Amino acid sequence: MKNWVLPVVIVGIAAFYFLSKKKLADRLKVLFRGVKLSGSVLKPKFNLKFGVQNPTGASAKINSLVGQVEANGKIIADVSSFNTQVIAPKKESIYEITAEPYGAGIFKTIREFIKAGNKINFVFTGSMNVDGIDYPVNTNIAL
């Protein structure tokens, strides 16, 4: 066997691996799928639901999601989740986390959230680590 065969095979495998990650990076999509109020009046929580779409033919693993949630332009919570979850190939997987709101004005935001007829625009800005690569996430939902 020639001395150059093994290095060429290793380079080929590495190139295939990184090209598949680039393909995922170009196509991965994260969408806000819902916000639900939970907890108590004194310790409210928001359950956040994200749809993570993987249009590639290979599964991927979510390692973390970190960022901030805004409601009508006001930052209401910092979010961090380090729960791993597999995203099936050619499917949308639901990734759910809980955020504990903070800061002044949260009760007004919750009151607006509960009132019928008032729309609240929730925006999530942060990053999601999938298969060891960080992807920026900027998504919103109006409720």
C-alpha atoms as a PDB file:
ATOM      1  CA  MET A   1       0.000   0.000   0.000  1.00  0.00           C
ATOM      2  CA  LYS A   2       1.317   3.400  -0.891  1.00  0.00           C
ATOM      3  CA  ASN A   3       2.166   5.888   1.880  1.00  0.00           C
ATOM      4  CA  TRP A   4      -0.208   8.524   0.516  1.00  0.00           C
ATOM      5  CA  VAL A   5      -3.394   6.395   0.613  1.00  0.00           C
ATOM      6  CA  LEU A   6      -4.092   6.627   4.356  1.00  0.00           C
ATOM      7  CA  PRO A   7      -3.728  10.442   4.552  1.00  0.00           C
ATOM      8  CA  VAL A   8      -5.982  10.845   1.496  1.00  0.00           C
ATOM      9  CA  VAL A   9      -8.646   8.614   3.090  1.00  0.00           C
ATOM     10  CA  ILE A  10      -8.462  10.567   6.370  1.00  0.00           C
ATOM     11  CA  VAL A  11      -8.745  13.905   4.549  1.00  0.00           C
ATOM     12  CA  GLY A  12     -11.694  12.546   2.535  1.00  0.00           C
ATOM     13  CA  ILE A  13     -13.558  11.427   5.670  1.00  0.00           C
ATOM     14  CA  ALA A  14     -12.889  14.773   7.401  1.00  0.00           C
ATOM     15  CA  ALA A  15     -14.073  16.690   4.322  1.00  0.00           C
ATOM     16  CA  PHE A  16     -17.286  14.630   4.176  1.00  0.00           C
ATOM     17  CA  TYR A  17     -17.943  15.282   7.891  1.00  0.00           C
ATOM     18  CA  PHE A  18     -17.436  19.050   7.622  1.00  0.00           C
ATOM     19  CA  LEU A  19     -19.424  19.349   4.390  1.00  0.00           C
ATOM     20  CA  SER A  20     -22.372  17.591   6.052  1.00  0.00           C
ATOM     21  CA  LYS A  21     -22.151  20.062   8.988  1.00  0.00           C
ATOM     22  CA  LYS A  22     -22.078  22.988   6.559  1.00  0.00           C
ATOM     23  CA  LYS A  23     -25.153  21.580   4.831  1.00  0.00           C
ATOM     24  CA  LEU A  24     -26.929  21.451   8.202  1.00  0.00           C
ATOM     25  CA  ALA A  25     -25.752  24.970   9.058  1.00  0.00           C
ATOM     26  CA  ASP A  26     -27.148  26.330   5.804  1.00  0.00           C
ATOM     27  CA  ARG A  27     -30.544  24.683   6.287  1.00  0.00           C
ATOM     28  CA  LEU A  28     -31.253  24.415  10.041  1.00  0.00           C
ATOM     29  CA  LYS A  29     -34.238  26.539  11.016  1.00  0.00           C
ATOM     30  CA  VAL A  30     -35.526  27.417  14.495  1.00  0.00           C
ATOM     31  CA  LEU A  31     -39.087  28.765  14.852  1.00  0.00           C
ATOM     32  CA  PHE A  32     -40.986  30.032  17.890  1.00  0.00           C
ATOM     33  CA  ARG A  33     -43.971  27.680  18.200  1.00  0.00           C
ATOM     34  CA  GLY A  34     -45.584  28.942  21.401  1.00  0.00           C
ATOM     35  CA  VAL A  35     -45.455  30.633  24.784  1.00  0.00           C
ATOM     36  CA  LYS A  36     -47.548  29.495  27.723  1.00  0.00           C
ATOM     37  CA  LEU A  37     -47.840  31.132  31.132  1.00  0.00           C
ATOM     38  CA  SER A  38     -47.366  28.803  34.102  1.00  0.00           C
ATOM     39  CA  GLY A  39     -46.227  28.940  37.716  1.00  0.00           C
ATOM     40  CA  SER A  40     -47.883  31.163  40.317  1.00  0.00           C
ATOM     41  CA  VAL A  41     -48.680  34.864  40.567  1.00  0.00           C
ATOM     42  CA  LEU A  42     -45.645  35.436  42.780  1.00  0.00           C
ATOM     43  CA  LYS A  43     -43.347  33.167  40.749  1.00  0.00           C
ATOM     44  CA  PRO A  44     -44.552  33.226  37.138  1.00  0.00           C
ATOM     45  CA  LYS A  45     -42.884  31.177  34.427  1.00  0.00           C
ATOM     46  CA  PHE A  46     -43.071  31.040  30.662  1.00  0.00           C
ATOM     47  CA  ASN A  47     -42.967  27.697  28.887  1.00  0.00           C
ATOM     48  CA  LEU A  48     -41.336  28.334  25.530  1.00  0.00           C
ATOM     49  CA  LYS A  49     -41.778  25.950  22.618  1.00  0.00           C
ATOM     50  CA  PHE A  50     -39.432  25.964  19.611  1.00  0.00           C
ATOM     51  CA  GLY A  51     -39.696  23.997  16.397  1.00  0.00           C
ATOM     52  CA  VAL A  52     -36.274  22.938  15.122  1.00  0.00           C
ATOM     53  CA  GLN A  53     -36.368  21.916  11.478  1.00  0.00           C
ATOM     54  CA  ASN A  54     -33.746  19.585  10.037  1.00  0.00           C
ATOM     55  CA  PRO A  55     -34.246  19.173   6.261  1.00  0.00           C
ATOM     56  CA  THR A  56     -31.046  17.130   5.843  1.00  0.00           C
ATOM     57  CA  GLY A  57     -30.869  13.343   5.637  1.00  0.00           C
ATOM     58  CA  ALA A  58     -28.868  12.949   8.865  1.00  0.00           C
ATOM     59  CA  SER A  59     -29.952  13.343  12.478  1.00  0.00           C
ATOM     60  CA  ALA A  60     -28.376  16.047  14.632  1.00  0.00           C
ATOM     61  CA  LYS A  61     -28.191  16.665  18.379  1.00  0.00           C
ATOM     62  CA  ILE A  62     -29.195  19.873  20.154  1.00  0.00           C
ATOM     63  CA  ASN A  63     -26.730  20.466  22.998  1.00  0.00           C
ATOM     64  CA  SER A  64     -27.913  23.825  24.327  1.00  0.00           C
ATOM     65  CA  LEU A  65     -30.050  26.897  23.781  1.00  0.00           C
ATOM     66  CA  VAL A  66     -29.201  30.244  25.378  1.00  0.00           C
ATOM     67  CA  GLY A  67     -30.526  33.751  24.868  1.00  0.00           C
ATOM     68  CA  GLN A  68     -33.057  36.379  25.899  1.00  0.00           C
ATOM     69  CA  VAL A  69     -36.815  36.677  25.568  1.00  0.00           C
ATOM     70  CA  GLU A  70     -38.448  40.037  24.895  1.00  0.00           C
ATOM     71  CA  ALA A  71     -42.139  40.866  25.190  1.00  0.00           C
ATOM     72  CA  ASN A  72     -43.272  43.974  23.320  1.00  0.00           C
ATOM     73  CA  GLY A  73     -39.700  45.263  23.210  1.00  0.00           C
ATOM     74  CA  LYS A  74     -38.835  44.662  26.893  1.00  0.00           C
ATOM     75  CA  ILE A  75     -36.391  41.970  27.962  1.00  0.00           C
ATOM     76  CA  ILE A  76     -38.310  39.725  30.339  1.00  0.00           C
ATOM     77  CA  ALA A  77     -36.045  36.712  30.798  1.00  0.00           C
ATOM     78  CA  ASP A  78     -32.639  35.219  30.207  1.00  0.00           C
ATOM     79  CA  VAL A  79     -32.898  31.648  28.990  1.00  0.00           C
ATOM     80  CA  SER A  80     -30.459  28.767  29.161  1.00  0.00           C
ATOM     81  CA  SER A  81     -31.123  25.096  28.603  1.00  0.00           C
ATOM     82  CA  PHE A  82     -28.507  22.383  28.369  1.00  0.00           C
ATOM     83  CA  ASN A  83     -30.886  19.482  27.750  1.00  0.00           C
ATOM     84  CA  THR A  84     -29.779  17.392  24.804  1.00  0.00           C
ATOM     85  CA  GLN A  85     -32.272  16.286  22.199  1.00  0.00           C
ATOM     86  CA  VAL A  86     -31.976  14.568  18.837  1.00  0.00           C
ATOM     87  CA  ILE A  87     -33.436  16.279  15.767  1.00  0.00           C
ATOM     88  CA  ALA A  88     -34.673  13.593  13.408  1.00  0.00           C
ATOM     89  CA  PRO A  89     -33.664  13.852   9.750  1.00  0.00           C
ATOM     90  CA  LYS A  90     -36.177  15.555   7.457  1.00  0.00           C
ATOM     91  CA  LYS A  91     -38.450  16.441  10.391  1.00  0.00           C
ATOM     92  CA  GLU A  92     -39.304  19.200  12.828  1.00  0.00           C
ATOM     93  CA  SER A  93     -38.545  18.428  16.461  1.00  0.00           C
ATOM     94  CA  ILE A  94     -40.116  20.367  19.326  1.00  0.00           C
ATOM     95  CA  TYR A  95     -37.674  21.734  21.920  1.00  0.00           C
ATOM     96  CA  GLU A  96     -39.302  23.078  25.090  1.00  0.00           C
ATOM     97  CA  ILE A  97     -37.744  25.142  27.877  1.00  0.00           C
ATOM     98  CA  THR A  98     -38.973  27.122  30.878  1.00  0.00           C
ATOM     99  CA  ALA A  99     -38.018  30.759  31.453  1.00  0.00           C
ATOM    100  CA  GLU A 100     -38.369  32.600  34.737  1.00  0.00           C
ATOM    101  CA  PRO A 101     -39.167  36.265  34.050  1.00  0.00           C
ATOM    102  CA  TYR A 102     -37.463  39.065  35.935  1.00  0.00           C
ATOM    103  CA  GLY A 103     -37.354  42.820  36.229  1.00  0.00           C
ATOM    104  CA  ALA A 104     -39.745  45.662  36.686  1.00  0.00           C
ATOM    105  CA  GLY A 105     -42.890  45.592  34.629  1.00  0.00           C
ATOM    106  CA  ILE A 106     -43.236  41.827  34.495  1.00  0.00           C
ATOM    107  CA  PHE A 107     -46.652  41.932  36.171  1.00  0.00           C
ATOM    108  CA  LYS A 108     -47.821  44.443  33.552  1.00  0.00           C
ATOM    109  CA  THR A 109     -46.538  42.122  30.815  1.00  0.00           C
ATOM    110  CA  ILE A 110     -48.331  39.151  32.409  1.00  0.00           C
ATOM    111  CA  ARG A 111     -51.531  41.199  32.748  1.00  0.00           C
ATOM    112  CA  GLU A 112     -51.290  42.095  29.039  1.00  0.00           C
ATOM    113  CA  PHE A 113     -50.647  38.424  28.260  1.00  0.00           C
ATOM    114  CA  ILE A 114     -53.818  37.377  30.100  1.00  0.00           C
ATOM    115  CA  LYS A 115     -56.082  40.152  28.748  1.00  0.00           C
ATOM    116  CA  ALA A 116     -58.127  39.145  25.744  1.00  0.00           C
ATOM    117  CA  GLY A 117     -57.533  41.097  22.566  1.00  0.00           C
ATOM    118  CA  ASN A 118     -54.064  42.379  23.431  1.00  0.00           C
ATOM    119  CA  LYS A 119     -51.309  41.020  21.197  1.00  0.00           C
ATOM    120  CA  ILE A 120     -47.882  40.480  22.677  1.00  0.00           C
ATOM    121  CA  ASN A 121     -44.918  40.091  20.381  1.00  0.00           C
ATOM    122  CA  PHE A 122     -42.403  37.668  21.923  1.00  0.00           C
ATOM    123  CA  VAL A 123     -38.895  37.703  20.440  1.00  0.00           C
ATOM    124  CA  PHE A 124     -36.157  35.202  21.217  1.00  0.00           C
ATOM    125  CA  THR A 125     -32.567  36.129  20.392  1.00  0.00           C
ATOM    126  CA  GLY A 126     -29.694  33.817  21.191  1.00  0.00           C
ATOM    127  CA  SER A 127     -27.862  30.757  19.955  1.00  0.00           C
ATOM    128  CA  MET A 128     -28.401  27.023  19.723  1.00  0.00           C
ATOM    129  CA  ASN A 129     -25.547  24.532  19.810  1.00  0.00           C
ATOM    130  CA  VAL A 130     -26.196  21.643  17.443  1.00  0.00           C
ATOM    131  CA  ASP A 131     -23.575  18.933  16.994  1.00  0.00           C
ATOM    132  CA  GLY A 132     -20.962  21.202  18.579  1.00  0.00           C
ATOM    133  CA  ILE A 133     -21.625  24.157  16.267  1.00  0.00           C
ATOM    134  CA  ASP A 134     -23.324  27.366  17.471  1.00  0.00           C
ATOM    135  CA  TYR A 135     -26.159  28.670  15.291  1.00  0.00           C
ATOM    136  CA  PRO A 136     -27.643  32.148  15.781  1.00  0.00           C
ATOM    137  CA  VAL A 137     -31.356  32.154  16.575  1.00  0.00           C
ATOM    138  CA  ASN A 138     -33.652  35.133  16.113  1.00  0.00           C
ATOM    139  CA  THR A 139     -37.328  34.248  16.006  1.00  0.00           C
ATOM    140  CA  ASN A 140     -40.620  35.741  17.141  1.00  0.00           C
ATOM    141  CA  ILE A 141     -44.265  34.942  17.711  1.00  0.00           C
ATOM    142  CA  ALA A 142     -47.261  37.230  18.251  1.00  0.00           C
ATOM    143  CA  LEU A 143     -49.940  36.031  20.648  1.00  0.00           C
END
